[in-house]
Amino acid sequence: MAETPLPFFARLVLAWTCFFRVLFDGVFARDVSNVQTRGRLPEVRPPTQSMPAIPPPPPADTALILLGIFQREGRLVDFLEQDVTSFSDADVGAAARVVHEGCRKALRAHARITPVRSEEEGTRVTIAAGFAPAEVKLSGNVGGSPPFTGILRHRGWRALDLSLPIPVTGHDAEVIAPAEIEL
């Protein structure tokens, strides 16, 4: 099957574009010269530096298992999904204590965490050049370049270890807590 030639106006635009590319782009001019003299395009070489692969998103199972643990130990999801506007502050506070105690127990049983910063909150700190933006969030009147001096408002948290139970076959991580039916 014969290839269809380019229409006149498409060739005119191509000629105009090639003229200026040949005039101002030496590499392009060399490639056009190769096509003209050898009748073929230059070899396409793979790039010397490849783009890093985008990692796949992490499986949601791990987060859902942890959420299930917080629900089982501290009834966290129940607390967060409850409309507390009709309850008194004392009732909400009492419920929060139960949720806090259970979730804290679960967190300490399955994760080892440590503060990102060792200073006490409210302390004046200096952030040197080269700081890790993942570890330090600057707020307020941020301008200029490091070193920055400010007040530590939150120490941050770093996970050193996380150990979650291995799900049994047939476990559905999307079911954070099963419905309970009393007979």
C-alpha atoms as a PDB file:
ATOM      1  CA  MET A   1       0.000   0.000   0.000  1.00  0.00           C
ATOM      2  CA  ALA A   2       1.488   3.346  -1.035  1.00  0.00           C
ATOM      3  CA  GLU A   3       1.815   6.093   1.523  1.00  0.00           C
ATOM      4  CA  THR A   4      -0.233   9.232   0.913  1.00  0.00           C
ATOM      5  CA  PRO A   5       1.916  12.329   0.248  1.00  0.00           C
ATOM      6  CA  LEU A   6       1.570  15.361   2.506  1.00  0.00           C
ATOM      7  CA  PRO A   7      -0.747  18.078   1.182  1.00  0.00           C
ATOM      8  CA  PHE A   8       0.832  21.276  -0.152  1.00  0.00           C
ATOM      9  CA  PHE A   9       0.095  23.504   2.856  1.00  0.00           C
ATOM     10  CA  ALA A  10       1.375  20.873   5.313  1.00  0.00           C
ATOM     11  CA  ARG A  11       4.604  20.707   3.276  1.00  0.00           C
ATOM     12  CA  LEU A  12       4.841  24.501   3.255  1.00  0.00           C
ATOM     13  CA  VAL A  13       4.557  24.675   7.070  1.00  0.00           C
ATOM     14  CA  LEU A  14       7.063  21.824   7.433  1.00  0.00           C
ATOM     15  CA  ALA A  15       9.542  23.539   5.091  1.00  0.00           C
ATOM     16  CA  TRP A  16       9.207  26.838   6.960  1.00  0.00           C
ATOM     17  CA  THR A  17       9.693  25.110  10.349  1.00  0.00           C
ATOM     18  CA  CYS A  18      12.651  23.051   9.105  1.00  0.00           C
ATOM     19  CA  PHE A  19      14.326  26.129   7.617  1.00  0.00           C
ATOM     20  CA  PHE A  20      14.501  27.859  10.992  1.00  0.00           C
ATOM     21  CA  ARG A  21      15.339  24.681  12.914  1.00  0.00           C
ATOM     22  CA  VAL A  22      18.238  23.968  10.531  1.00  0.00           C
ATOM     23  CA  LEU A  23      19.372  27.570  10.835  1.00  0.00           C
ATOM     24  CA  PHE A  24      19.377  27.666  14.666  1.00  0.00           C
ATOM     25  CA  ASP A  25      19.675  24.016  15.828  1.00  0.00           C
ATOM     26  CA  GLY A  26      22.974  22.384  14.867  1.00  0.00           C
ATOM     27  CA  VAL A  27      21.963  18.877  15.969  1.00  0.00           C
ATOM     28  CA  PHE A  28      18.745  19.052  13.964  1.00  0.00           C
ATOM     29  CA  ALA A  29      20.706  20.363  10.947  1.00  0.00           C
ATOM     30  CA  ARG A  30      23.102  17.399  11.195  1.00  0.00           C
ATOM     31  CA  ASP A  31      20.166  14.971  11.308  1.00  0.00           C
ATOM     32  CA  VAL A  32      18.557  16.599   8.229  1.00  0.00           C
ATOM     33  CA  SER A  33      21.904  16.416   6.446  1.00  0.00           C
ATOM     34  CA  ASN A  34      22.118  12.691   7.238  1.00  0.00           C
ATOM     35  CA  VAL A  35      18.649  12.160   5.796  1.00  0.00           C
ATOM     36  CA  GLN A  36      19.559  14.146   2.675  1.00  0.00           C
ATOM     37  CA  THR A  37      22.926  12.432   2.045  1.00  0.00           C
ATOM     38  CA  ARG A  38      22.225   8.906   3.308  1.00  0.00           C
ATOM     39  CA  GLY A  39      18.497   8.734   2.777  1.00  0.00           C
ATOM     40  CA  ARG A  40      17.803   7.669   6.359  1.00  0.00           C
ATOM     41  CA  LEU A  41      17.292   9.083   9.832  1.00  0.00           C
ATOM     42  CA  PRO A  42      20.126   8.821  12.356  1.00  0.00           C
ATOM     43  CA  GLU A  43      20.077   5.932  14.790  1.00  0.00           C
ATOM     44  CA  VAL A  44      17.909   6.544  17.790  1.00  0.00           C
ATOM     45  CA  ARG A  45      19.997   5.955  20.874  1.00  0.00           C
ATOM     46  CA  PRO A  46      18.378   5.171  24.201  1.00  0.00           C
ATOM     47  CA  PRO A  47      18.733   8.014  26.686  1.00  0.00           C
ATOM     48  CA  THR A  48      21.742   7.689  28.931  1.00  0.00           C
ATOM     49  CA  GLN A  49      19.740   8.524  32.003  1.00  0.00           C
ATOM     50  CA  SER A  50      16.344   6.939  32.379  1.00  0.00           C
ATOM     51  CA  MET A  51      13.469   8.486  34.266  1.00  0.00           C
ATOM     52  CA  PRO A  52      12.920   6.941  37.676  1.00  0.00           C
ATOM     53  CA  ALA A  53       9.935   4.630  37.740  1.00  0.00           C
ATOM     54  CA  ILE A  54       6.920   5.897  39.620  1.00  0.00           C
ATOM     55  CA  PRO A  55       6.385   3.500  42.491  1.00  0.00           C
ATOM     56  CA  PRO A  56       2.978   1.895  42.702  1.00  0.00           C
ATOM     57  CA  PRO A  57       0.715   3.174  45.457  1.00  0.00           C
ATOM     58  CA  PRO A  58       1.076   1.227  48.691  1.00  0.00           C
ATOM     59  CA  PRO A  59      -1.590  -1.351  49.354  1.00  0.00           C
ATOM     60  CA  ALA A  60      -4.407   0.028  51.478  1.00  0.00           C
ATOM     61  CA  ASP A  61      -4.521  -3.181  53.499  1.00  0.00           C
ATOM     62  CA  THR A  62      -1.854  -2.016  55.965  1.00  0.00           C
ATOM     63  CA  ALA A  63      -3.640   1.224  56.768  1.00  0.00           C
ATOM     64  CA  LEU A  64      -6.976  -0.559  57.021  1.00  0.00           C
ATOM     65  CA  ILE A  65      -5.532  -3.187  59.373  1.00  0.00           C
ATOM     66  CA  LEU A  66      -4.174  -0.407  61.609  1.00  0.00           C
ATOM     67  CA  LEU A  67      -7.519   1.394  61.488  1.00  0.00           C
ATOM     68  CA  GLY A  68      -9.214  -1.879  62.437  1.00  0.00           C
ATOM     69  CA  ILE A  69      -6.883  -2.223  65.430  1.00  0.00           C
ATOM     70  CA  PHE A  70      -7.708   1.322  66.566  1.00  0.00           C
ATOM     71  CA  GLN A  71     -11.393   0.520  66.222  1.00  0.00           C
ATOM     72  CA  ARG A  72     -11.114  -2.757  68.146  1.00  0.00           C
ATOM     73  CA  GLU A  73      -8.995  -1.328  70.982  1.00  0.00           C
ATOM     74  CA  GLY A  74     -10.305   2.227  71.226  1.00  0.00           C
ATOM     75  CA  ARG A  75     -13.522   2.404  69.188  1.00  0.00           C
ATOM     76  CA  LEU A  76     -11.877   5.208  67.177  1.00  0.00           C
ATOM     77  CA  VAL A  77     -14.100   4.954  64.100  1.00  0.00           C
ATOM     78  CA  ASP A  78     -17.225   4.846  66.274  1.00  0.00           C
ATOM     79  CA  PHE A  79     -16.063   7.995  68.054  1.00  0.00           C
ATOM     80  CA  LEU A  80     -15.184   9.857  64.845  1.00  0.00           C
ATOM     81  CA  GLU A  81     -18.397   8.887  63.076  1.00  0.00           C
ATOM     82  CA  GLN A  82     -20.615   9.806  66.059  1.00  0.00           C
ATOM     83  CA  ASP A  83     -22.317  13.200  65.857  1.00  0.00           C
ATOM     84  CA  VAL A  84     -21.163  14.663  69.191  1.00  0.00           C
ATOM     85  CA  THR A  85     -22.827  18.069  68.823  1.00  0.00           C
ATOM     86  CA  SER A  86     -25.777  17.005  70.984  1.00  0.00           C
ATOM     87  CA  PHE A  87     -23.568  15.694  73.816  1.00  0.00           C
ATOM     88  CA  SER A  88     -22.207  17.792  76.661  1.00  0.00           C
ATOM     89  CA  ASP A  89     -18.511  18.602  76.821  1.00  0.00           C
ATOM     90  CA  ALA A  90     -18.242  16.317  79.864  1.00  0.00           C
ATOM     91  CA  ASP A  91     -19.759  13.392  77.911  1.00  0.00           C
ATOM     92  CA  VAL A  92     -17.470  13.995  74.930  1.00  0.00           C
ATOM     93  CA  GLY A  93     -14.473  14.281  77.269  1.00  0.00           C
ATOM     94  CA  ALA A  94     -15.357  11.016  79.010  1.00  0.00           C
ATOM     95  CA  ALA A  95     -15.704   9.245  75.653  1.00  0.00           C
ATOM     96  CA  ALA A  96     -12.450  10.777  74.434  1.00  0.00           C
ATOM     97  CA  ARG A  97     -10.620   9.372  77.466  1.00  0.00           C
ATOM     98  CA  VAL A  98     -11.800   5.845  76.632  1.00  0.00           C
ATOM     99  CA  VAL A  99     -10.861   6.243  72.945  1.00  0.00           C
ATOM    100  CA  HIS A 100      -7.488   7.770  73.888  1.00  0.00           C
ATOM    101  CA  GLU A 101      -6.635   4.977  76.305  1.00  0.00           C
ATOM    102  CA  GLY A 102      -7.529   2.201  73.848  1.00  0.00           C
ATOM    103  CA  CYS A 103      -5.840   3.766  70.823  1.00  0.00           C
ATOM    104  CA  ARG A 104      -2.707   4.610  72.808  1.00  0.00           C
ATOM    105  CA  LYS A 105      -2.507   0.997  73.987  1.00  0.00           C
ATOM    106  CA  ALA A 106      -2.903  -0.217  70.378  1.00  0.00           C
ATOM    107  CA  LEU A 107      -0.325   2.250  69.048  1.00  0.00           C
ATOM    108  CA  ARG A 108       2.250   1.232  71.618  1.00  0.00           C
ATOM    109  CA  ALA A 109       1.591  -2.451  70.972  1.00  0.00           C
ATOM    110  CA  HIS A 110       2.111  -2.188  67.208  1.00  0.00           C
ATOM    111  CA  ALA A 111       4.382   0.804  66.543  1.00  0.00           C
ATOM    112  CA  ARG A 112       7.537   2.314  67.937  1.00  0.00           C
ATOM    113  CA  ILE A 113       7.549   6.067  67.471  1.00  0.00           C
ATOM    114  CA  THR A 114       9.861   8.838  68.553  1.00  0.00           C
ATOM    115  CA  PRO A 115       9.746  12.644  68.307  1.00  0.00           C
ATOM    116  CA  VAL A 116      11.393  14.199  65.238  1.00  0.00           C
ATOM    117  CA  ARG A 117      12.786  17.028  67.406  1.00  0.00           C
ATOM    118  CA  SER A 118      14.191  16.419  70.883  1.00  0.00           C
ATOM    119  CA  GLU A 119      13.566  19.952  72.218  1.00  0.00           C
ATOM    120  CA  GLU A 120      10.489  20.710  74.308  1.00  0.00           C
ATOM    121  CA  GLU A 121       7.562  22.406  72.575  1.00  0.00           C
ATOM    122  CA  GLY A 122       7.684  26.174  73.091  1.00  0.00           C
ATOM    123  CA  THR A 123      11.495  26.190  72.922  1.00  0.00           C
ATOM    124  CA  ARG A 124      13.320  28.569  70.563  1.00  0.00           C
ATOM    125  CA  VAL A 125      15.121  26.538  67.859  1.00  0.00           C
ATOM    126  CA  THR A 126      17.351  27.287  64.880  1.00  0.00           C
ATOM    127  CA  ILE A 127      16.887  25.405  61.621  1.00  0.00           C
ATOM    128  CA  ALA A 128      20.140  25.227  59.661  1.00  0.00           C
ATOM    129  CA  ALA A 129      20.572  25.193  55.896  1.00  0.00           C
ATOM    130  CA  GLY A 130      20.064  21.753  54.375  1.00  0.00           C
ATOM    131  CA  PHE A 131      17.236  20.771  56.731  1.00  0.00           C
ATOM    132  CA  ALA A 132      14.900  17.978  55.593  1.00  0.00           C
ATOM    133  CA  PRO A 133      11.538  19.478  54.544  1.00  0.00           C
ATOM    134  CA  ALA A 134       9.850  16.150  55.341  1.00  0.00           C
ATOM    135  CA  GLU A 135      10.969  16.542  58.964  1.00  0.00           C
ATOM    136  CA  VAL A 136      10.398  20.263  59.509  1.00  0.00           C
ATOM    137  CA  LYS A 137       7.372  22.309  58.450  1.00  0.00           C
ATOM    138  CA  LEU A 138       8.007  26.042  58.555  1.00  0.00           C
ATOM    139  CA  SER A 139       5.026  28.313  59.222  1.00  0.00           C
ATOM    140  CA  GLY A 140       4.420  31.966  59.907  1.00  0.00           C
ATOM    141  CA  ASN A 141       6.477  34.647  58.181  1.00  0.00           C
ATOM    142  CA  VAL A 142       8.738  32.400  56.104  1.00  0.00           C
ATOM    143  CA  GLY A 143      11.140  34.273  53.859  1.00  0.00           C
ATOM    144  CA  GLY A 144      14.776  34.413  52.949  1.00  0.00           C
ATOM    145  CA  SER A 145      17.116  31.500  53.341  1.00  0.00           C
ATOM    146  CA  PRO A 146      18.295  29.396  56.301  1.00  0.00           C
ATOM    147  CA  PRO A 147      19.241  29.455  59.058  1.00  0.00           C
ATOM    148  CA  PHE A 148      15.733  30.108  60.413  1.00  0.00           C
ATOM    149  CA  THR A 149      14.956  30.798  64.069  1.00  0.00           C
ATOM    150  CA  GLY A 150      11.529  30.191  65.555  1.00  0.00           C
ATOM    151  CA  ILE A 151       9.447  28.549  68.262  1.00  0.00           C
ATOM    152  CA  LEU A 152       8.938  24.783  68.186  1.00  0.00           C
ATOM    153  CA  ARG A 153       5.147  24.355  68.119  1.00  0.00           C
ATOM    154  CA  HIS A 154       5.099  20.572  67.578  1.00  0.00           C
ATOM    155  CA  ARG A 155       7.935  18.086  67.946  1.00  0.00           C
ATOM    156  CA  GLY A 156       6.706  15.861  65.107  1.00  0.00           C
ATOM    157  CA  TRP A 157       6.707  12.065  65.105  1.00  0.00           C
ATOM    158  CA  ARG A 158       8.835   9.490  63.320  1.00  0.00           C
ATOM    159  CA  ALA A 159       7.869   5.823  63.047  1.00  0.00           C
ATOM    160  CA  LEU A 160      10.830   3.610  63.877  1.00  0.00           C
ATOM    161  CA  ASP A 161       8.960   0.341  63.579  1.00  0.00           C
ATOM    162  CA  LEU A 162       5.505  -0.970  62.729  1.00  0.00           C
ATOM    163  CA  SER A 163       4.451  -4.535  63.359  1.00  0.00           C
ATOM    164  CA  LEU A 164       0.973  -5.490  62.324  1.00  0.00           C
ATOM    165  CA  PRO A 165      -0.661  -8.891  62.483  1.00  0.00           C
ATOM    166  CA  ILE A 166      -0.515 -10.937  59.285  1.00  0.00           C
ATOM    167  CA  PRO A 167      -4.061 -11.363  58.000  1.00  0.00           C
ATOM    168  CA  VAL A 168      -5.433 -14.875  57.761  1.00  0.00           C
ATOM    169  CA  THR A 169      -6.636 -16.208  54.430  1.00  0.00           C
ATOM    170  CA  GLY A 170      -9.979 -14.726  53.534  1.00  0.00           C
ATOM    171  CA  HIS A 171      -9.537 -11.655  55.751  1.00  0.00           C
ATOM    172  CA  ASP A 172     -11.228  -8.608  54.210  1.00  0.00           C
ATOM    173  CA  ALA A 173      -9.199  -5.563  55.303  1.00  0.00           C
ATOM    174  CA  GLU A 174     -11.953  -3.257  54.067  1.00  0.00           C
ATOM    175  CA  VAL A 175     -14.197  -4.482  56.886  1.00  0.00           C
ATOM    176  CA  ILE A 176     -12.759  -2.358  59.700  1.00  0.00           C
ATOM    177  CA  ALA A 177     -15.214  -3.788  62.212  1.00  0.00           C
ATOM    178  CA  PRO A 178     -17.916  -6.342  61.515  1.00  0.00           C
ATOM    179  CA  ALA A 179     -21.533  -5.565  62.299  1.00  0.00           C
ATOM    180  CA  GLU A 180     -22.540  -7.045  65.638  1.00  0.00           C
ATOM    181  CA  ILE A 181     -25.876  -8.846  65.876  1.00  0.00           C
ATOM    182  CA  GLU A 182     -27.167  -9.941  69.250  1.00  0.00           C
ATOM    183  CA  LEU A 183     -29.518 -12.930  69.132  1.00  0.00           C
END
